[in-house]
Amino acid sequence: MAKKIDKLSMTLGRVLKACGMEGRLSEYRVLGQWEKAVGAVIARHAQPQSMHGKKLTLLVDSPAWMQQLSLLKPELLGKINRNLGWEAVQSITLKLGEVASPSKPAEAPLVPMDLDPTERAEIETYVQELRDPDTREAIRRVIEKDFISKKRKTKNNS
């Protein structure tokens, strides 16, 4: 009987759950998929600041958008959770703050980049609790590549 091959994301999800890191993966996915989940218009005015458990905190750029988004919370929850494929977020908190412009797709050639100490520290917070060194290193490399890809997009749009 042939053994079914799992997707890498499913395997990583099981490994992280076994290590007690499923929450960090959910946080990273929510932050990384924000614009895709809610759309460009909302992403221009609100961005994830943090996620603790299943509570997402958003920075919103104006009181008018805070009011609008407070009315849209149920819709936002649905969009985020549908995009991720599971109920990663149960509640949303809104805070007034400065929102960075979302990045646009890059068309320039790839330029070698490295991560700054702040980015490396953030990555370490995602992988620090993984006990298996091989798994920890594999997850670290995946997240580093994602950070570098986003930096390239931002740099090419400047």
N, C-alpha and C. Protein backbone atom coordinates (compact mmCIF):
# COMPACT_ATOMS: atom_id res chain seq x y z
N MET A 1 0.84 -1.19 0.00
CA MET A 1 0.00 0.00 0.00
C MET A 1 0.88 1.25 0.00
N ALA A 2 0.59 2.18 -0.90
CA ALA A 2 1.41 3.40 -1.02
C ALA A 2 1.10 4.35 0.12
N LYS A 3 2.14 5.00 0.63
CA LYS A 3 1.99 5.96 1.72
C LYS A 3 1.71 7.34 1.12
N LYS A 4 0.72 8.03 1.67
CA LYS A 4 0.36 9.36 1.20
C LYS A 4 1.45 10.35 1.60
N ILE A 5 1.83 11.21 0.67
CA ILE A 5 2.84 12.24 0.94
C ILE A 5 2.12 13.52 1.36
N ASP A 6 2.51 14.06 2.52
CA ASP A 6 1.92 15.29 3.03
C ASP A 6 2.62 16.50 2.45
N LYS A 7 1.90 17.61 2.41
CA LYS A 7 2.51 18.89 2.04
C LYS A 7 3.49 19.28 3.15
N LEU A 8 4.54 19.99 2.79
CA LEU A 8 5.52 20.45 3.77
C LEU A 8 4.87 21.30 4.84
N SER A 9 3.91 22.15 4.46
CA SER A 9 3.26 23.01 5.43
C SER A 9 2.50 22.20 6.48
N MET A 10 1.90 21.09 6.06
CA MET A 10 1.17 20.25 7.01
C MET A 10 2.15 19.57 7.98
N THR A 11 3.25 19.09 7.43
CA THR A 11 4.26 18.44 8.27
C THR A 11 4.85 19.43 9.26
N LEU A 12 5.20 20.63 8.79
CA LEU A 12 5.75 21.65 9.68
C LEU A 12 4.73 22.03 10.74
N GLY A 13 3.49 22.12 10.35
CA GLY A 13 2.44 22.44 11.30
C GLY A 13 2.35 21.42 12.42
N ARG A 14 2.43 20.14 12.08
CA ARG A 14 2.39 19.08 13.10
C ARG A 14 3.62 19.14 14.00
N VAL A 15 4.80 19.38 13.41
CA VAL A 15 6.03 19.47 14.20
C VAL A 15 5.96 20.64 15.17
N LEU A 16 5.52 21.80 14.68
CA LEU A 16 5.42 22.98 15.54
C LEU A 16 4.38 22.79 16.63
N LYS A 17 3.28 22.12 16.31
CA LYS A 17 2.26 21.85 17.32
C LYS A 17 2.83 20.95 18.40
N ALA A 18 3.57 19.93 18.00
CA ALA A 18 4.18 19.01 18.97
C ALA A 18 5.18 19.73 19.86
N CYS A 19 5.82 20.76 19.35
CA CYS A 19 6.81 21.52 20.12
C CYS A 19 6.18 22.70 20.87
N GLY A 20 4.87 22.86 20.74
CA GLY A 20 4.20 23.96 21.42
C GLY A 20 4.39 25.30 20.73
N MET A 21 4.72 25.30 19.45
CA MET A 21 5.00 26.54 18.72
C MET A 21 3.91 26.88 17.70
N GLU A 22 2.79 26.20 17.75
CA GLU A 22 1.73 26.44 16.78
C GLU A 22 1.25 27.89 16.82
N GLY A 23 1.22 28.50 18.00
CA GLY A 23 0.80 29.89 18.13
C GLY A 23 1.70 30.84 17.39
N ARG A 24 3.01 30.63 17.46
CA ARG A 24 3.96 31.49 16.75
C ARG A 24 3.78 31.37 15.24
N LEU A 25 3.53 30.15 14.76
CA LEU A 25 3.31 29.96 13.33
C LEU A 25 2.04 30.69 12.90
N SER A 26 1.00 30.61 13.70
CA SER A 26 -0.25 31.32 13.39
C SER A 26 0.01 32.82 13.32
N GLU A 27 0.76 33.32 14.31
CA GLU A 27 1.08 34.75 14.33
C GLU A 27 1.84 35.16 13.07
N TYR A 28 2.84 34.40 12.70
CA TYR A 28 3.63 34.72 11.52
C TYR A 28 2.77 34.68 10.25
N ARG A 29 1.90 33.70 10.16
CA ARG A 29 1.04 33.60 8.97
C ARG A 29 0.08 34.77 8.88
N VAL A 30 -0.53 35.14 9.99
CA VAL A 30 -1.46 36.27 9.98
C VAL A 30 -0.74 37.54 9.55
N LEU A 31 0.42 37.80 10.15
CA LEU A 31 1.17 39.00 9.81
C LEU A 31 1.62 38.99 8.35
N GLY A 32 2.02 37.82 7.87
CA GLY A 32 2.52 37.71 6.50
C GLY A 32 1.44 37.75 5.43
N GLN A 33 0.23 37.39 5.78
CA GLN A 33 -0.87 37.31 4.80
C GLN A 33 -1.86 38.46 4.92
N TRP A 34 -1.53 39.47 5.70
CA TRP A 34 -2.47 40.54 6.01
C TRP A 34 -3.10 41.17 4.78
N GLU A 35 -2.28 41.72 3.89
CA GLU A 35 -2.83 42.44 2.74
C GLU A 35 -3.65 41.51 1.84
N LYS A 36 -3.18 40.31 1.66
CA LYS A 36 -3.91 39.34 0.83
C LYS A 36 -5.27 39.03 1.46
N ALA A 37 -5.32 38.94 2.78
CA ALA A 37 -6.56 38.57 3.46
C ALA A 37 -7.59 39.69 3.44
N VAL A 38 -7.16 40.92 3.71
CA VAL A 38 -8.13 42.01 3.89
C VAL A 38 -8.24 42.95 2.69
N GLY A 39 -7.29 42.88 1.77
CA GLY A 39 -7.33 43.75 0.60
C GLY A 39 -6.44 44.97 0.77
N ALA A 40 -6.07 45.57 -0.35
CA ALA A 40 -5.13 46.68 -0.37
C ALA A 40 -5.66 47.94 0.32
N VAL A 41 -6.95 48.20 0.19
CA VAL A 41 -7.52 49.43 0.76
C VAL A 41 -7.41 49.40 2.29
N ILE A 42 -7.85 48.33 2.90
CA ILE A 42 -7.77 48.22 4.36
C ILE A 42 -6.32 48.16 4.80
N ALA A 43 -5.48 47.45 4.06
CA ALA A 43 -4.06 47.32 4.43
C ALA A 43 -3.34 48.67 4.40
N ARG A 44 -3.81 49.63 3.60
CA ARG A 44 -3.20 50.96 3.58
C ARG A 44 -3.49 51.74 4.86
N HIS A 45 -4.56 51.36 5.55
CA HIS A 45 -4.99 52.12 6.72
C HIS A 45 -4.87 51.36 8.05
N ALA A 46 -4.63 50.05 7.97
CA ALA A 46 -4.52 49.25 9.19
C ALA A 46 -3.55 48.09 8.95
N GLN A 47 -2.68 47.86 9.92
CA GLN A 47 -1.72 46.76 9.82
C GLN A 47 -1.59 46.06 11.17
N PRO A 48 -1.32 44.76 11.13
CA PRO A 48 -1.15 44.02 12.37
C PRO A 48 0.05 44.54 13.16
N GLN A 49 -0.15 44.72 14.45
CA GLN A 49 0.95 45.11 15.33
C GLN A 49 1.47 43.90 16.07
N SER A 50 0.54 43.06 16.57
CA SER A 50 0.95 41.87 17.30
C SER A 50 -0.22 40.90 17.36
N MET A 51 0.12 39.69 17.78
CA MET A 51 -0.90 38.68 17.98
C MET A 51 -0.52 37.88 19.20
N HIS A 52 -1.42 37.80 20.15
CA HIS A 52 -1.19 37.03 21.38
C HIS A 52 -2.33 36.03 21.49
N GLY A 53 -1.97 34.75 21.39
CA GLY A 53 -3.01 33.72 21.35
C GLY A 53 -3.81 33.90 20.08
N LYS A 54 -5.09 34.11 20.23
CA LYS A 54 -5.96 34.32 19.06
C LYS A 54 -6.49 35.75 19.02
N LYS A 55 -5.79 36.66 19.72
CA LYS A 55 -6.17 38.07 19.76
C LYS A 55 -5.19 38.88 18.90
N LEU A 56 -5.71 39.50 17.85
CA LEU A 56 -4.92 40.29 16.91
C LEU A 56 -5.08 41.77 17.25
N THR A 57 -3.95 42.48 17.37
CA THR A 57 -3.97 43.92 17.61
C THR A 57 -3.56 44.61 16.32
N LEU A 58 -4.38 45.55 15.87
CA LEU A 58 -4.13 46.28 14.64
C LEU A 58 -3.80 47.74 14.94
N LEU A 59 -2.82 48.28 14.20
CA LEU A 59 -2.57 49.73 14.23
C LEU A 59 -3.41 50.33 13.11
N VAL A 60 -4.12 51.41 13.42
CA VAL A 60 -4.99 52.06 12.45
C VAL A 60 -4.57 53.52 12.35
N ASP A 61 -4.53 54.05 11.11
CA ASP A 61 -3.93 55.37 10.90
C ASP A 61 -4.82 56.58 11.19
N SER A 62 -6.12 56.40 11.45
CA SER A 62 -6.97 57.55 11.74
C SER A 62 -8.20 57.13 12.54
N PRO A 63 -8.77 58.08 13.28
CA PRO A 63 -10.00 57.77 14.03
C PRO A 63 -11.15 57.34 13.12
N ALA A 64 -11.23 57.92 11.93
CA ALA A 64 -12.30 57.55 11.00
C ALA A 64 -12.17 56.07 10.60
N TRP A 65 -10.94 55.63 10.32
CA TRP A 65 -10.73 54.23 9.96
C TRP A 65 -10.94 53.32 11.16
N MET A 66 -10.61 53.80 12.36
CA MET A 66 -10.87 52.99 13.56
C MET A 66 -12.37 52.73 13.70
N GLN A 67 -13.18 53.75 13.47
CA GLN A 67 -14.62 53.59 13.56
C GLN A 67 -15.11 52.62 12.48
N GLN A 68 -14.63 52.79 11.27
CA GLN A 68 -15.04 51.93 10.17
C GLN A 68 -14.66 50.48 10.44
N LEU A 69 -13.41 50.27 10.88
CA LEU A 69 -12.94 48.90 11.12
C LEU A 69 -13.61 48.27 12.33
N SER A 70 -14.00 49.08 13.30
CA SER A 70 -14.70 48.51 14.45
C SER A 70 -16.03 47.90 14.01
N LEU A 71 -16.65 48.53 13.01
CA LEU A 71 -17.89 47.99 12.46
C LEU A 71 -17.65 46.76 11.57
N LEU A 72 -16.44 46.68 11.02
CA LEU A 72 -16.10 45.58 10.11
C LEU A 72 -15.40 44.41 10.80
N LYS A 73 -15.26 44.44 12.11
CA LYS A 73 -14.53 43.37 12.81
C LYS A 73 -15.00 41.96 12.44
N PRO A 74 -16.31 41.69 12.44
CA PRO A 74 -16.75 40.33 12.08
C PRO A 74 -16.32 39.94 10.65
N GLU A 75 -16.41 40.90 9.74
CA GLU A 75 -16.00 40.62 8.35
C GLU A 75 -14.49 40.39 8.26
N LEU A 76 -13.72 41.21 8.98
CA LEU A 76 -12.26 41.04 9.00
C LEU A 76 -11.88 39.67 9.56
N LEU A 77 -12.50 39.28 10.66
CA LEU A 77 -12.22 37.97 11.25
C LEU A 77 -12.49 36.86 10.23
N GLY A 78 -13.61 36.97 9.54
CA GLY A 78 -13.95 35.96 8.53
C GLY A 78 -12.94 35.92 7.40
N LYS A 79 -12.53 37.08 6.89
CA LYS A 79 -11.57 37.14 5.79
C LYS A 79 -10.22 36.55 6.20
N ILE A 80 -9.74 36.94 7.38
CA ILE A 80 -8.44 36.45 7.86
C ILE A 80 -8.47 34.94 8.03
N ASN A 81 -9.48 34.44 8.71
CA ASN A 81 -9.56 33.01 8.99
C ASN A 81 -9.80 32.19 7.72
N ARG A 82 -10.60 32.70 6.79
CA ARG A 82 -10.79 32.00 5.51
C ARG A 82 -9.48 31.95 4.73
N ASN A 83 -8.74 33.06 4.74
CA ASN A 83 -7.47 33.10 4.01
C ASN A 83 -6.48 32.09 4.57
N LEU A 84 -6.46 31.92 5.88
CA LEU A 84 -5.53 31.00 6.51
C LEU A 84 -6.03 29.56 6.51
N GLY A 85 -7.33 29.38 6.40
CA GLY A 85 -7.87 28.03 6.36
C GLY A 85 -8.24 27.45 7.71
N TRP A 86 -8.16 28.24 8.76
CA TRP A 86 -8.58 27.80 10.10
C TRP A 86 -8.81 29.04 10.95
N GLU A 87 -9.42 28.84 12.12
CA GLU A 87 -9.73 29.98 12.99
C GLU A 87 -8.50 30.38 13.81
N ALA A 88 -7.65 31.17 13.19
CA ALA A 88 -6.41 31.62 13.84
C ALA A 88 -6.68 32.83 14.72
N VAL A 89 -7.70 33.62 14.38
CA VAL A 89 -7.99 34.86 15.10
C VAL A 89 -9.44 34.81 15.60
N GLN A 90 -9.62 35.09 16.90
CA GLN A 90 -10.96 35.13 17.47
C GLN A 90 -11.41 36.54 17.82
N SER A 91 -10.43 37.44 18.07
CA SER A 91 -10.81 38.81 18.40
C SER A 91 -9.78 39.79 17.85
N ILE A 92 -10.24 41.02 17.63
CA ILE A 92 -9.40 42.08 17.09
C ILE A 92 -9.49 43.29 18.00
N THR A 93 -8.32 43.87 18.31
CA THR A 93 -8.24 45.11 19.07
C THR A 93 -7.65 46.17 18.15
N LEU A 94 -8.20 47.37 18.17
CA LEU A 94 -7.73 48.45 17.31
C LEU A 94 -7.00 49.49 18.15
N LYS A 95 -5.85 49.96 17.64
CA LYS A 95 -5.07 51.01 18.30
C LYS A 95 -4.69 52.05 17.27
N LEU A 96 -4.78 53.31 17.64
CA LEU A 96 -4.38 54.39 16.75
C LEU A 96 -2.86 54.42 16.68
N GLY A 97 -2.30 54.53 15.47
CA GLY A 97 -0.85 54.56 15.31
C GLY A 97 -0.46 54.81 13.87
N GLU A 98 0.83 54.82 13.64
CA GLU A 98 1.37 55.06 12.30
C GLU A 98 1.40 53.74 11.53
N VAL A 99 0.89 53.77 10.30
CA VAL A 99 0.81 52.59 9.46
C VAL A 99 1.75 52.77 8.27
N ALA A 100 2.66 51.81 8.07
CA ALA A 100 3.58 51.86 6.94
C ALA A 100 2.84 51.50 5.66
N SER A 101 3.32 52.00 4.54
CA SER A 101 2.71 51.69 3.25
C SER A 101 2.97 50.24 2.89
N PRO A 102 1.93 49.51 2.42
CA PRO A 102 2.15 48.13 2.00
C PRO A 102 3.03 48.09 0.76
N SER A 103 3.78 47.03 0.63
CA SER A 103 4.70 46.91 -0.51
C SER A 103 3.95 46.46 -1.76
N LYS A 104 4.51 46.81 -2.91
CA LYS A 104 3.95 46.39 -4.20
C LYS A 104 4.91 45.38 -4.80
N PRO A 105 4.42 44.54 -5.74
CA PRO A 105 5.29 43.54 -6.35
C PRO A 105 6.52 44.16 -7.01
N ALA A 106 7.65 43.50 -6.84
CA ALA A 106 8.91 44.00 -7.39
C ALA A 106 9.13 43.48 -8.80
N GLU A 107 9.75 44.31 -9.63
CA GLU A 107 10.09 43.89 -10.98
C GLU A 107 11.57 44.04 -11.25
N ALA A 108 12.32 44.61 -10.33
CA ALA A 108 13.76 44.80 -10.50
C ALA A 108 14.49 43.49 -10.27
N PRO A 109 15.73 43.38 -10.80
CA PRO A 109 16.50 42.16 -10.59
C PRO A 109 16.84 41.98 -9.11
N LEU A 110 17.06 40.72 -8.74
CA LEU A 110 17.38 40.40 -7.35
C LEU A 110 18.74 40.96 -6.95
N VAL A 111 18.80 41.52 -5.77
CA VAL A 111 20.02 42.08 -5.22
C VAL A 111 20.30 41.34 -3.91
N PRO A 112 21.55 40.89 -3.70
CA PRO A 112 21.82 40.19 -2.45
C PRO A 112 21.51 41.10 -1.25
N MET A 113 20.86 40.53 -0.23
CA MET A 113 20.48 41.30 0.96
C MET A 113 20.75 40.46 2.20
N ASP A 114 20.91 41.18 3.28
CA ASP A 114 21.04 40.52 4.56
C ASP A 114 20.00 41.13 5.50
N LEU A 115 19.78 40.47 6.61
CA LEU A 115 18.80 40.95 7.57
C LEU A 115 19.50 41.76 8.65
N ASP A 116 18.81 42.79 9.13
CA ASP A 116 19.39 43.60 10.21
C ASP A 116 19.16 42.88 11.54
N PRO A 117 19.84 43.32 12.60
CA PRO A 117 19.74 42.66 13.91
C PRO A 117 18.30 42.60 14.46
N THR A 118 17.50 43.61 14.20
CA THR A 118 16.11 43.60 14.67
C THR A 118 15.32 42.48 13.99
N GLU A 119 15.50 42.34 12.69
CA GLU A 119 14.81 41.28 11.95
C GLU A 119 15.26 39.90 12.43
N ARG A 120 16.57 39.75 12.63
CA ARG A 120 17.10 38.47 13.12
C ARG A 120 16.53 38.14 14.50
N ALA A 121 16.41 39.15 15.36
CA ALA A 121 15.85 38.94 16.70
C ALA A 121 14.38 38.52 16.60
N GLU A 122 13.64 39.13 15.69
CA GLU A 122 12.24 38.76 15.50
C GLU A 122 12.13 37.31 15.06
N ILE A 123 12.98 36.90 14.13
CA ILE A 123 12.97 35.52 13.67
C ILE A 123 13.28 34.57 14.83
N GLU A 124 14.24 34.96 15.65
CA GLU A 124 14.59 34.11 16.80
C GLU A 124 13.42 33.92 17.75
N THR A 125 12.56 34.95 17.87
CA THR A 125 11.40 34.79 18.75
C THR A 125 10.45 33.73 18.20
N TYR A 126 10.42 33.56 16.89
CA TYR A 126 9.55 32.55 16.29
C TYR A 126 10.10 31.14 16.48
N VAL A 127 11.41 30.98 16.50
CA VAL A 127 12.00 29.63 16.51
C VAL A 127 12.63 29.23 17.84
N GLN A 128 12.71 30.14 18.79
CA GLN A 128 13.46 29.89 20.02
C GLN A 128 12.98 28.69 20.82
N GLU A 129 11.71 28.38 20.76
CA GLU A 129 11.18 27.28 21.58
C GLU A 129 11.23 25.92 20.88
N LEU A 130 11.67 25.88 19.64
CA LEU A 130 11.80 24.60 18.95
C LEU A 130 13.00 23.85 19.53
N ARG A 131 12.76 22.64 19.99
CA ARG A 131 13.82 21.87 20.65
C ARG A 131 14.75 21.19 19.65
N ASP A 132 14.18 20.69 18.57
CA ASP A 132 14.99 19.96 17.60
C ASP A 132 15.81 20.95 16.77
N PRO A 133 17.16 20.86 16.80
CA PRO A 133 17.99 21.84 16.09
C PRO A 133 17.80 21.83 14.57
N ASP A 134 17.55 20.66 13.99
CA ASP A 134 17.35 20.60 12.54
C ASP A 134 16.05 21.29 12.14
N THR A 135 14.99 21.04 12.89
CA THR A 135 13.71 21.69 12.62
C THR A 135 13.82 23.19 12.82
N ARG A 136 14.47 23.59 13.92
CA ARG A 136 14.64 25.02 14.22
C ARG A 136 15.38 25.72 13.07
N GLU A 137 16.44 25.10 12.58
CA GLU A 137 17.23 25.71 11.50
C GLU A 137 16.43 25.78 10.20
N ALA A 138 15.66 24.72 9.91
CA ALA A 138 14.86 24.70 8.67
C ALA A 138 13.80 25.81 8.71
N ILE A 139 13.11 25.95 9.84
CA ILE A 139 12.09 26.99 9.98
C ILE A 139 12.74 28.36 9.91
N ARG A 140 13.89 28.53 10.56
CA ARG A 140 14.61 29.81 10.53
C ARG A 140 14.92 30.20 9.09
N ARG A 141 15.42 29.26 8.29
CA ARG A 141 15.77 29.57 6.89
C ARG A 141 14.54 29.99 6.08
N VAL A 142 13.42 29.30 6.30
CA VAL A 142 12.19 29.65 5.57
C VAL A 142 11.76 31.07 5.91
N ILE A 143 11.76 31.40 7.20
CA ILE A 143 11.34 32.74 7.61
C ILE A 143 12.32 33.80 7.12
N GLU A 144 13.63 33.49 7.17
CA GLU A 144 14.64 34.44 6.66
C GLU A 144 14.40 34.73 5.18
N LYS A 145 14.14 33.69 4.40
CA LYS A 145 13.88 33.89 2.97
C LYS A 145 12.66 34.77 2.74
N ASP A 146 11.64 34.58 3.56
CA ASP A 146 10.44 35.40 3.44
C ASP A 146 10.75 36.86 3.77
N PHE A 147 11.50 37.10 4.85
CA PHE A 147 11.88 38.46 5.23
C PHE A 147 12.69 39.12 4.10
N ILE A 148 13.66 38.40 3.55
CA ILE A 148 14.51 38.94 2.48
C ILE A 148 13.67 39.25 1.25
N SER A 149 12.73 38.36 0.93
CA SER A 149 11.85 38.59 -0.22
C SER A 149 11.05 39.87 -0.04
N LYS A 150 10.53 40.09 1.17
CA LYS A 150 9.76 41.30 1.44
C LYS A 150 10.65 42.54 1.39
N LYS A 151 11.90 42.43 1.86
CA LYS A 151 12.82 43.57 1.80
C LYS A 151 13.12 43.93 0.35
N ARG A 152 13.29 42.92 -0.49
CA ARG A 152 13.55 43.18 -1.92
C ARG A 152 12.39 43.93 -2.54
N LYS A 153 11.19 43.49 -2.22
CA LYS A 153 10.01 44.15 -2.77
C LYS A 153 9.96 45.60 -2.33
N THR A 154 10.22 45.83 -1.05
CA THR A 154 10.19 47.20 -0.51
C THR A 154 11.27 48.05 -1.15
N LYS A 155 12.49 47.51 -1.25
CA LYS A 155 13.61 48.25 -1.83
C LYS A 155 13.37 48.58 -3.30
N ASN A 156 12.82 47.61 -4.04
CA ASN A 156 12.58 47.84 -5.47
C ASN A 156 11.46 48.83 -5.73
N ASN A 157 10.61 49.06 -4.73
CA ASN A 157 9.52 50.02 -4.88
C ASN A 157 9.92 51.42 -4.43
N SER A 158 11.13 51.57 -3.88
CA SER A 158 11.58 52.88 -3.39
C SER A 158 12.08 53.73 -4.54
